[in-house]
PDB file of all heavy atoms in Angstrom:
ATOM      1  N   ALA A   1       0.822  -1.195   0.023  1.00  0.00           N
ATOM      2  CA  ALA A   1      -0.029  -0.005  -0.019  1.00  0.00           C
ATOM      3  C   ALA A   1       0.834   1.235  -0.050  1.00  0.00           C
ATOM      4  O   ALA A   1       0.375   2.314  -0.467  1.00  0.00           O
ATOM      5  CB  ALA A   1      -0.915   0.017   1.203  1.00  0.00           C
ATOM      6  N   ALA A   2       2.117   1.184   0.478  1.00  0.00           N
ATOM      7  CA  ALA A   2       2.920   2.367   0.505  1.00  0.00           C
ATOM      8  C   ALA A   2       3.707   2.565  -0.776  1.00  0.00           C
ATOM      9  O   ALA A   2       3.913   3.721  -1.207  1.00  0.00           O
ATOM     10  CB  ALA A   2       3.896   2.296   1.726  1.00  0.00           C
ATOM     11  N   THR A   3       4.149   1.491  -1.438  1.00  0.00           N
ATOM     12  CA  THR A   3       5.038   1.623  -2.567  1.00  0.00           C
ATOM     13  C   THR A   3       4.324   1.214  -3.898  1.00  0.00           C
ATOM     14  O   THR A   3       4.907   1.407  -4.961  1.00  0.00           O
ATOM     15  CB  THR A   3       6.305   0.780  -2.401  1.00  0.00           C
ATOM     16  OG1 THR A   3       5.903  -0.618  -2.369  1.00  0.00           O
ATOM     17  CG2 THR A   3       6.975   1.172  -1.127  1.00  0.00           C
ATOM     18  N   ASN A   4       3.213   0.581  -3.752  1.00  0.00           N
ATOM     19  CA  ASN A   4       2.458   0.007  -4.938  1.00  0.00           C
ATOM     20  C   ASN A   4       3.222  -1.161  -5.626  1.00  0.00           C
ATOM     21  O   ASN A   4       2.856  -1.604  -6.664  1.00  0.00           O
ATOM     22  CB  ASN A   4       2.143   1.078  -5.999  1.00  0.00           C
ATOM     23  CG  ASN A   4       0.966   0.704  -6.867  1.00  0.00           C
ATOM     24  OD1 ASN A   4      -0.001   0.130  -6.392  1.00  0.00           O
ATOM     25  ND2 ASN A   4       1.032   1.016  -8.156  1.00  0.00           N
ATOM     26  N   ALA A   5       4.261  -1.626  -4.993  1.00  0.00           N
ATOM     27  CA  ALA A   5       5.012  -2.780  -5.562  1.00  0.00           C
ATOM     28  C   ALA A   5       4.240  -4.062  -5.342  1.00  0.00           C
ATOM     29  O   ALA A   5       3.571  -4.265  -4.323  1.00  0.00           O
ATOM     30  CB  ALA A   5       6.388  -2.884  -4.863  1.00  0.00           C
ATOM     31  N   PRO A   6       4.256  -4.974  -6.269  1.00  0.00           N
ATOM     32  CA  PRO A   6       3.505  -6.248  -6.112  1.00  0.00           C
ATOM     33  C   PRO A   6       4.117  -7.085  -4.988  1.00  0.00           C
ATOM     34  O   PRO A   6       5.338  -7.007  -4.708  1.00  0.00           O
ATOM     35  CB  PRO A   6       3.732  -6.979  -7.445  1.00  0.00           C
ATOM     36  CG  PRO A   6       4.917  -6.292  -8.087  1.00  0.00           C
ATOM     37  CD  PRO A   6       4.966  -4.901  -7.587  1.00  0.00           C
ATOM     38  N   ILE A   7       3.237  -7.787  -4.324  1.00  0.00           N
ATOM     39  CA  ILE A   7       3.663  -8.656  -3.226  1.00  0.00           C
ATOM     40  C   ILE A   7       3.543 -10.094  -3.683  1.00  0.00           C
ATOM     41  O   ILE A   7       2.431 -10.567  -3.964  1.00  0.00           O
ATOM     42  CB  ILE A   7       2.841  -8.436  -2.004  1.00  0.00           C
ATOM     43  CG1 ILE A   7       3.024  -7.018  -1.446  1.00  0.00           C
ATOM     44  CG2 ILE A   7       3.232  -9.422  -0.871  1.00  0.00           C
ATOM     45  CD1 ILE A   7       2.193  -6.636  -0.245  1.00  0.00           C
ATOM     46  N   ARG A   8       4.627 -10.824  -3.779  1.00  0.00           N
ATOM     47  CA  ARG A   8       4.603 -12.194  -4.241  1.00  0.00           C
ATOM     48  C   ARG A   8       4.457 -13.126  -3.057  1.00  0.00           C
ATOM     49  O   ARG A   8       4.808 -12.820  -1.903  1.00  0.00           O
ATOM     50  CB  ARG A   8       5.868 -12.539  -4.986  1.00  0.00           C
ATOM     51  CG  ARG A   8       7.177 -12.489  -4.202  1.00  0.00           C
ATOM     52  CD  ARG A   8       8.417 -12.723  -5.035  1.00  0.00           C
ATOM     53  NE  ARG A   8       8.382 -14.063  -5.599  1.00  0.00           N
ATOM     54  CZ  ARG A   8       8.902 -15.145  -4.976  1.00  0.00           C
ATOM     55  NH1 ARG A   8       9.510 -15.030  -3.822  1.00  0.00           N
ATOM     56  NH2 ARG A   8       8.874 -16.290  -5.592  1.00  0.00           N
ATOM     57  N   ARG A   9       3.839 -14.278  -3.305  1.00  0.00           N
ATOM     58  CA  ARG A   9       3.652 -15.375  -2.331  1.00  0.00           C
ATOM     59  C   ARG A   9       2.849 -14.920  -1.146  1.00  0.00           C
ATOM     60  O   ARG A   9       3.093 -15.392  -0.001  1.00  0.00           O
ATOM     61  CB  ARG A   9       5.000 -15.994  -1.901  1.00  0.00           C
ATOM     62  CG  ARG A   9       5.742 -16.632  -3.078  1.00  0.00           C
ATOM     63  CD  ARG A   9       6.952 -17.439  -2.588  1.00  0.00           C
ATOM     64  NE  ARG A   9       6.470 -18.634  -1.822  1.00  0.00           N
ATOM     65  CZ  ARG A   9       5.997 -19.750  -2.354  1.00  0.00           C
ATOM     66  NH1 ARG A   9       5.883 -19.873  -3.629  1.00  0.00           N
ATOM     67  NH2 ARG A   9       5.628 -20.741  -1.532  1.00  0.00           N
ATOM     68  N   ALA A  10       1.926 -13.998  -1.341  1.00  0.00           N
ATOM     69  CA  ALA A  10       0.919 -13.725  -0.306  1.00  0.00           C
ATOM     70  C   ALA A  10      -0.062 -14.822  -0.255  1.00  0.00           C
ATOM     71  O   ALA A  10      -0.355 -15.466  -1.276  1.00  0.00           O
ATOM     72  CB  ALA A  10       0.223 -12.358  -0.595  1.00  0.00           C
ATOM     73  N   GLN A  11      -0.564 -15.153   0.893  1.00  0.00           N
ATOM     74  CA  GLN A  11      -1.480 -16.247   1.047  1.00  0.00           C
ATOM     75  C   GLN A  11      -2.929 -15.727   0.972  1.00  0.00           C
ATOM     76  O   GLN A  11      -3.284 -14.815   1.759  1.00  0.00           O
ATOM     77  CB  GLN A  11      -1.291 -16.919   2.411  1.00  0.00           C
ATOM     78  CG  GLN A  11       0.080 -17.555   2.549  1.00  0.00           C
ATOM     79  CD  GLN A  11       0.325 -18.221   3.875  1.00  0.00           C
ATOM     80  OE1 GLN A  11      -0.334 -17.807   4.871  1.00  0.00           O
ATOM     81  NE2 GLN A  11       1.158 -19.225   3.960  1.00  0.00           N
ATOM     82  N   ILE A  12      -3.667 -16.234   0.061  1.00  0.00           N
ATOM     83  CA  ILE A  12      -5.094 -15.816  -0.176  1.00  0.00           C
ATOM     84  C   ILE A  12      -5.991 -17.020   0.168  1.00  0.00           C
ATOM     85  O   ILE A  12      -5.800 -18.119  -0.368  1.00  0.00           O
ATOM     86  CB  ILE A  12      -5.336 -15.345  -1.606  1.00  0.00           C
ATOM     87  CG1 ILE A  12      -4.490 -14.128  -1.942  1.00  0.00           C
ATOM     88  CG2 ILE A  12      -6.825 -15.069  -1.784  1.00  0.00           C
ATOM     89  CD1 ILE A  12      -3.156 -14.393  -2.540  1.00  0.00           C
ATOM     90  N   GLN A  13      -6.926 -16.826   1.044  1.00  0.00           N
ATOM     91  CA  GLN A  13      -7.805 -17.920   1.452  1.00  0.00           C
ATOM     92  C   GLN A  13      -9.271 -17.413   1.354  1.00  0.00           C
ATOM     93  O   GLN A  13      -9.635 -16.363   1.900  1.00  0.00           O
ATOM     94  CB  GLN A  13      -7.549 -18.343   2.875  1.00  0.00           C
ATOM     95  CG  GLN A  13      -8.376 -19.566   3.279  1.00  0.00           C
ATOM     96  CD  GLN A  13      -8.107 -19.982   4.715  1.00  0.00           C
ATOM     97  OE1 GLN A  13      -8.556 -19.344   5.647  1.00  0.00           O
ATOM     98  NE2 GLN A  13      -7.342 -21.114   4.854  1.00  0.00           N
ATOM     99  N   GLY A  14     -10.075 -18.181   0.659  1.00  0.00           N
ATOM    100  CA  GLY A  14     -11.497 -17.849   0.526  1.00  0.00           C
ATOM    101  C   GLY A  14     -12.305 -18.967   1.211  1.00  0.00           C
ATOM    102  O   GLY A  14     -11.952 -20.073   1.175  1.00  0.00           O
ATOM    103  N   THR A  15     -13.393 -18.565   1.876  1.00  0.00           N
ATOM    104  CA  THR A  15     -14.263 -19.492   2.523  1.00  0.00           C
ATOM    105  C   THR A  15     -15.736 -19.066   2.355  1.00  0.00           C
ATOM    106  O   THR A  15     -16.042 -17.871   2.374  1.00  0.00           O
ATOM    107  CB  THR A  15     -13.954 -19.657   4.024  1.00  0.00           C
ATOM    108  OG1 THR A  15     -14.835 -20.551   4.652  1.00  0.00           O
ATOM    109  CG2 THR A  15     -14.035 -18.307   4.743  1.00  0.00           C
ATOM    110  N   ASN A  16     -16.600 -20.060   2.234  1.00  0.00           N
ATOM    111  CA  ASN A  16     -18.062 -19.863   2.233  1.00  0.00           C
ATOM    112  C   ASN A  16     -18.674 -20.555   3.416  1.00  0.00           C
ATOM    113  O   ASN A  16     -19.832 -20.922   3.378  1.00  0.00           O
ATOM    114  CB  ASN A  16     -18.717 -20.299   0.914  1.00  0.00           C
ATOM    115  CG  ASN A  16     -18.583 -21.782   0.695  1.00  0.00           C
ATOM    116  OD1 ASN A  16     -17.906 -22.481   1.449  1.00  0.00           O
ATOM    117  ND2 ASN A  16     -19.234 -22.279  -0.318  1.00  0.00           N
ATOM    118  N   LYS A  17     -17.896 -20.765   4.462  1.00  0.00           N
ATOM    119  CA  LYS A  17     -18.285 -21.486   5.716  1.00  0.00           C
ATOM    120  C   LYS A  17     -18.389 -23.001   5.559  1.00  0.00           C
ATOM    121  O   LYS A  17     -18.623 -23.711   6.527  1.00  0.00           O
ATOM    122  CB  LYS A  17     -19.605 -20.947   6.272  1.00  0.00           C
ATOM    123  CG  LYS A  17     -19.490 -19.449   6.716  1.00  0.00           C
ATOM    124  CD  LYS A  17     -20.806 -18.951   7.374  1.00  0.00           C
ATOM    125  CE  LYS A  17     -20.684 -17.567   7.797  1.00  0.00           C
ATOM    126  NZ  LYS A  17     -21.887 -17.031   8.413  1.00  0.00           N
ATOM    127  N   GLU A  18     -18.331 -23.529   4.339  1.00  0.00           N
ATOM    128  CA  GLU A  18     -18.292 -24.915   4.072  1.00  0.00           C
ATOM    129  C   GLU A  18     -16.941 -25.374   3.465  1.00  0.00           C
ATOM    130  O   GLU A  18     -16.488 -26.467   3.706  1.00  0.00           O
ATOM    131  CB  GLU A  18     -19.452 -25.353   3.185  1.00  0.00           C
ATOM    132  CG  GLU A  18     -20.829 -25.120   3.780  1.00  0.00           C
ATOM    133  CD  GLU A  18     -21.975 -25.604   2.824  1.00  0.00           C
ATOM    134  OE1 GLU A  18     -21.611 -26.010   1.703  1.00  0.00           O
ATOM    135  OE2 GLU A  18     -23.135 -25.548   3.255  1.00  0.00           O
ATOM    136  N   LEU A  19     -16.401 -24.534   2.632  1.00  0.00           N
ATOM    137  CA  LEU A  19     -15.182 -24.870   1.877  1.00  0.00           C
ATOM    138  C   LEU A  19     -14.136 -23.801   2.120  1.00  0.00           C
ATOM    139  O   LEU A  19     -14.442 -22.656   2.393  1.00  0.00           O
ATOM    140  CB  LEU A  19     -15.430 -24.968   0.361  1.00  0.00           C
ATOM    141  CG  LEU A  19     -16.241 -26.174  -0.159  1.00  0.00           C
ATOM    142  CD1 LEU A  19     -16.568 -25.967  -1.589  1.00  0.00           C
ATOM    143  CD2 LEU A  19     -15.438 -27.444   0.074  1.00  0.00           C
ATOM    144  N   PHE A  20     -12.869 -24.287   2.139  1.00  0.00           N
ATOM    145  CA  PHE A  20     -11.730 -23.368   2.115  1.00  0.00           C
ATOM    146  C   PHE A  20     -10.965 -23.516   0.864  1.00  0.00           C
ATOM    147  O   PHE A  20     -10.583 -24.599   0.481  1.00  0.00           O
ATOM    148  CB  PHE A  20     -10.845 -23.635   3.347  1.00  0.00           C
ATOM    149  CG  PHE A  20     -11.431 -23.229   4.666  1.00  0.00           C
ATOM    150  CD1 PHE A  20     -12.180 -24.136   5.444  1.00  0.00           C
ATOM    151  CD2 PHE A  20     -11.229 -21.945   5.108  1.00  0.00           C
ATOM    152  CE1 PHE A  20     -12.670 -23.749   6.648  1.00  0.00           C
ATOM    153  CE2 PHE A  20     -11.797 -21.548   6.367  1.00  0.00           C
ATOM    154  CZ  PHE A  20     -12.505 -22.440   7.094  1.00  0.00           C
ATOM    155  N   VAL A  21     -10.746 -22.413   0.175  1.00  0.00           N
ATOM    156  CA  VAL A  21      -9.993 -22.438  -1.092  1.00  0.00           C
ATOM    157  C   VAL A  21      -8.843 -21.452  -0.907  1.00  0.00           C
ATOM    158  O   VAL A  21      -9.020 -20.385  -0.475  1.00  0.00           O
ATOM    159  CB  VAL A  21     -10.875 -21.976  -2.268  1.00  0.00           C
ATOM    160  CG1 VAL A  21     -10.098 -21.999  -3.618  1.00  0.00           C
ATOM    161  CG2 VAL A  21     -12.128 -22.813  -2.354  1.00  0.00           C
ATOM    162  N   ASP A  22      -7.602 -21.897  -1.271  1.00  0.00           N
ATOM    163  CA  ASP A  22      -6.506 -21.021  -1.068  1.00  0.00           C
ATOM    164  C   ASP A  22      -5.615 -20.939  -2.310  1.00  0.00           C
ATOM    165  O   ASP A  22      -5.687 -21.749  -3.228  1.00  0.00           O
ATOM    166  CB  ASP A  22      -5.653 -21.430   0.116  1.00  0.00           C
ATOM    167  CG  ASP A  22      -5.237 -22.915   0.051  1.00  0.00           C
ATOM    168  OD1 ASP A  22      -5.359 -23.492  -1.006  1.00  0.00           O
ATOM    169  OD2 ASP A  22      -4.751 -23.442   1.087  1.00  0.00           O
ATOM    170  N   ALA A  23      -4.771 -19.904  -2.348  1.00  0.00           N
ATOM    171  CA  ALA A  23      -3.876 -19.647  -3.470  1.00  0.00           C
ATOM    172  C   ALA A  23      -2.756 -18.787  -2.970  1.00  0.00           C
ATOM    173  O   ALA A  23      -2.789 -18.200  -1.914  1.00  0.00           O
ATOM    174  CB  ALA A  23      -4.588 -18.996  -4.648  1.00  0.00           C
ATOM    175  N   LEU A  24      -1.674 -18.670  -3.765  1.00  0.00           N
ATOM    176  CA  LEU A  24      -0.592 -17.821  -3.532  1.00  0.00           C
ATOM    177  C   LEU A  24      -0.464 -16.842  -4.707  1.00  0.00           C
ATOM    178  O   LEU A  24      -0.697 -17.201  -5.845  1.00  0.00           O
ATOM    179  CB  LEU A  24       0.763 -18.620  -3.459  1.00  0.00           C
ATOM    180  CG  LEU A  24       0.980 -19.507  -2.218  1.00  0.00           C
ATOM    181  CD1 LEU A  24       2.257 -20.252  -2.379  1.00  0.00           C
ATOM    182  CD2 LEU A  24       0.979 -18.663  -0.953  1.00  0.00           C
ATOM    183  N   SER A  25      -0.083 -15.583  -4.368  1.00  0.00           N
ATOM    184  CA  SER A  25       0.095 -14.580  -5.439  1.00  0.00           C
ATOM    185  C   SER A  25       1.389 -14.885  -6.162  1.00  0.00           C
ATOM    186  O   SER A  25       2.368 -15.373  -5.611  1.00  0.00           O
ATOM    187  CB  SER A  25       0.125 -13.179  -4.859  1.00  0.00           C
ATOM    188  OG  SER A  25       1.117 -13.074  -3.872  1.00  0.00           O
ATOM    189  N   ASP A  26       1.417 -14.541  -7.461  1.00  0.00           N
ATOM    190  CA  ASP A  26       2.619 -14.797  -8.237  1.00  0.00           C
ATOM    191  C   ASP A  26       3.615 -13.644  -8.148  1.00  0.00           C
ATOM    192  O   ASP A  26       3.453 -12.731  -7.315  1.00  0.00           O
ATOM    193  CB  ASP A  26       2.221 -15.067  -9.714  1.00  0.00           C
ATOM    194  CG  ASP A  26       1.502 -13.909 -10.374  1.00  0.00           C
ATOM    195  OD1 ASP A  26       1.572 -12.767  -9.842  1.00  0.00           O
ATOM    196  OD2 ASP A  26       0.835 -14.081 -11.415  1.00  0.00           O
ATOM    197  N   ASP A  27       4.589 -13.601  -9.024  1.00  0.00           N
ATOM    198  CA  ASP A  27       5.629 -12.560  -8.946  1.00  0.00           C
ATOM    199  C   ASP A  27       5.110 -11.186  -9.215  1.00  0.00           C
ATOM    200  O   ASP A  27       5.696 -10.142  -8.800  1.00  0.00           O
ATOM    201  CB  ASP A  27       6.728 -12.908  -9.931  1.00  0.00           C
ATOM    202  CG  ASP A  27       7.576 -14.087  -9.541  1.00  0.00           C
ATOM    203  OD1 ASP A  27       7.465 -14.479  -8.356  1.00  0.00           O
ATOM    204  OD2 ASP A  27       8.311 -14.654 -10.402  1.00  0.00           O
ATOM    205  N   GLU A  28       3.969 -11.082  -9.917  1.00  0.00           N
ATOM    206  CA  GLU A  28       3.355  -9.792 -10.171  1.00  0.00           C
ATOM    207  C   GLU A  28       2.257  -9.476  -9.112  1.00  0.00           C
ATOM    208  O   GLU A  28       1.503  -8.478  -9.296  1.00  0.00           O
ATOM    209  CB  GLU A  28       2.742  -9.765 -11.559  1.00  0.00           C
ATOM    210  CG  GLU A  28       3.807  -9.906 -12.676  1.00  0.00           C
ATOM    211  CD  GLU A  28       3.222  -9.888 -14.046  1.00  0.00           C
ATOM    212  OE1 GLU A  28       1.950  -9.975 -14.129  1.00  0.00           O
ATOM    213  OE2 GLU A  28       3.955  -9.784 -15.006  1.00  0.00           O
ATOM    214  N   GLY A  29       2.134 -10.330  -8.091  1.00  0.00           N
ATOM    215  CA  GLY A  29       1.114 -10.096  -7.088  1.00  0.00           C
ATOM    216  C   GLY A  29      -0.274 -10.566  -7.431  1.00  0.00           C
ATOM    217  O   GLY A  29      -1.214 -10.365  -6.685  1.00  0.00           O
ATOM    218  N   ARG A  30      -0.400 -11.265  -8.564  1.00  0.00           N
ATOM    219  CA  ARG A  30      -1.755 -11.655  -9.039  1.00  0.00           C
ATOM    220  C   ARG A  30      -2.163 -12.999  -8.416  1.00  0.00           C
ATOM    221  O   ARG A  30      -1.324 -13.873  -8.213  1.00  0.00           O
ATOM    222  CB  ARG A  30      -1.798 -11.698 -10.560  1.00  0.00           C
ATOM    223  CG  ARG A  30      -1.400 -10.347 -11.172  1.00  0.00           C
ATOM    224  CD  ARG A  30      -1.750 -10.267 -12.658  1.00  0.00           C
ATOM    225  NE  ARG A  30      -1.414  -8.991 -13.209  1.00  0.00           N
ATOM    226  CZ  ARG A  30      -2.078  -7.888 -13.131  1.00  0.00           C
ATOM    227  NH1 ARG A  30      -3.266  -7.948 -12.477  1.00  0.00           N
ATOM    228  NH2 ARG A  30      -1.682  -6.738 -13.640  1.00  0.00           N
ATOM    229  N   PHE A  31      -3.467 -13.166  -8.251  1.00  0.00           N
ATOM    230  CA  PHE A  31      -3.933 -14.409  -7.665  1.00  0.00           C
ATOM    231  C   PHE A  31      -5.276 -14.731  -8.328  1.00  0.00           C
ATOM    232  O   PHE A  31      -5.973 -13.883  -8.882  1.00  0.00           O
ATOM    233  CB  PHE A  31      -4.130 -14.359  -6.188  1.00  0.00           C
ATOM    234  CG  PHE A  31      -5.234 -13.415  -5.738  1.00  0.00           C
ATOM    235  CD1 PHE A  31      -6.518 -13.825  -5.550  1.00  0.00           C
ATOM    236  CD2 PHE A  31      -4.966 -12.034  -5.478  1.00  0.00           C
ATOM    237  CE1 PHE A  31      -7.536 -12.986  -5.165  1.00  0.00           C
ATOM    238  CE2 PHE A  31      -5.928 -11.159  -5.083  1.00  0.00           C
ATOM    239  CZ  PHE A  31      -7.257 -11.659  -4.938  1.00  0.00           C
ATOM    240  N   GLN A  32      -5.704 -16.023  -8.226  1.00  0.00           N
ATOM    241  CA  GLN A  32      -6.967 -16.470  -8.740  1.00  0.00           C
ATOM    242  C   GLN A  32      -7.551 -17.542  -7.802  1.00  0.00           C
ATOM    243  O   GLN A  32      -6.836 -18.502  -7.389  1.00  0.00           O
ATOM    244  CB  GLN A  32      -6.834 -17.109 -10.138  1.00  0.00           C
ATOM    245  CG  GLN A  32      -6.427 -16.158 -11.223  1.00  0.00           C
ATOM    246  CD  GLN A  32      -6.441 -16.789 -12.580  1.00  0.00           C
ATOM    247  OE1 GLN A  32      -7.162 -17.760 -12.823  1.00  0.00           O
ATOM    248  NE2 GLN A  32      -5.658 -16.256 -13.523  1.00  0.00           N
ATOM    249  N   LEU A  33      -8.798 -17.366  -7.406  1.00  0.00           N
ATOM    250  CA  LEU A  33      -9.564 -18.399  -6.746  1.00  0.00           C
ATOM    251  C   LEU A  33     -10.657 -18.839  -7.698  1.00  0.00           C
ATOM    252  O   LEU A  33     -11.625 -18.067  -7.933  1.00  0.00           O
ATOM    253  CB  LEU A  33     -10.198 -17.838  -5.451  1.00  0.00           C
ATOM    254  CG  LEU A  33      -9.212 -17.340  -4.400  1.00  0.00           C
ATOM    255  CD1 LEU A  33      -9.989 -16.741  -3.209  1.00  0.00           C
ATOM    256  CD2 LEU A  33      -8.295 -18.479  -3.930  1.00  0.00           C
ATOM    257  N   ASN A  34     -10.521 -20.018  -8.294  1.00  0.00           N
ATOM    258  CA  ASN A  34     -11.382 -20.465  -9.366  1.00  0.00           C
ATOM    259  C   ASN A  34     -12.329 -21.575  -8.901  1.00  0.00           C
ATOM    260  O   ASN A  34     -12.205 -22.102  -7.757  1.00  0.00           O
ATOM    261  CB  ASN A  34     -10.566 -21.001 -10.567  1.00  0.00           C
ATOM    262  CG  ASN A  34      -9.721 -19.926 -11.181  1.00  0.00           C
ATOM    263  OD1 ASN A  34     -10.239 -18.818 -11.394  1.00  0.00           O
ATOM    264  ND2 ASN A  34      -8.494 -20.259 -11.495  1.00  0.00           N
ATOM    265  N   ASP A  35     -13.267 -21.879  -9.734  1.00  0.00           N
ATOM    266  CA  ASP A  35     -14.233 -22.946  -9.477  1.00  0.00           C
ATOM    267  C   ASP A  35     -15.008 -22.737  -8.186  1.00  0.00           C
ATOM    268  O   ASP A  35     -15.221 -23.681  -7.455  1.00  0.00           O
ATOM    269  CB  ASP A  35     -13.539 -24.337  -9.482  1.00  0.00           C
ATOM    270  CG  ASP A  35     -12.807 -24.560 -10.802  1.00  0.00           C
ATOM    271  OD1 ASP A  35     -13.248 -24.175 -11.839  1.00  0.00           O
ATOM    272  OD2 ASP A  35     -11.710 -25.237 -10.650  1.00  0.00           O
TER     273      ASP A  35
END
């Protein structure tokens, strides 16, 4: 948030109270939670 530089390998976790879906951000800071 201070430098606007991408953050790699951040842990992203999504939940709908029944399932947990996780991913890691890539070198450009991008992530996808699919399906």
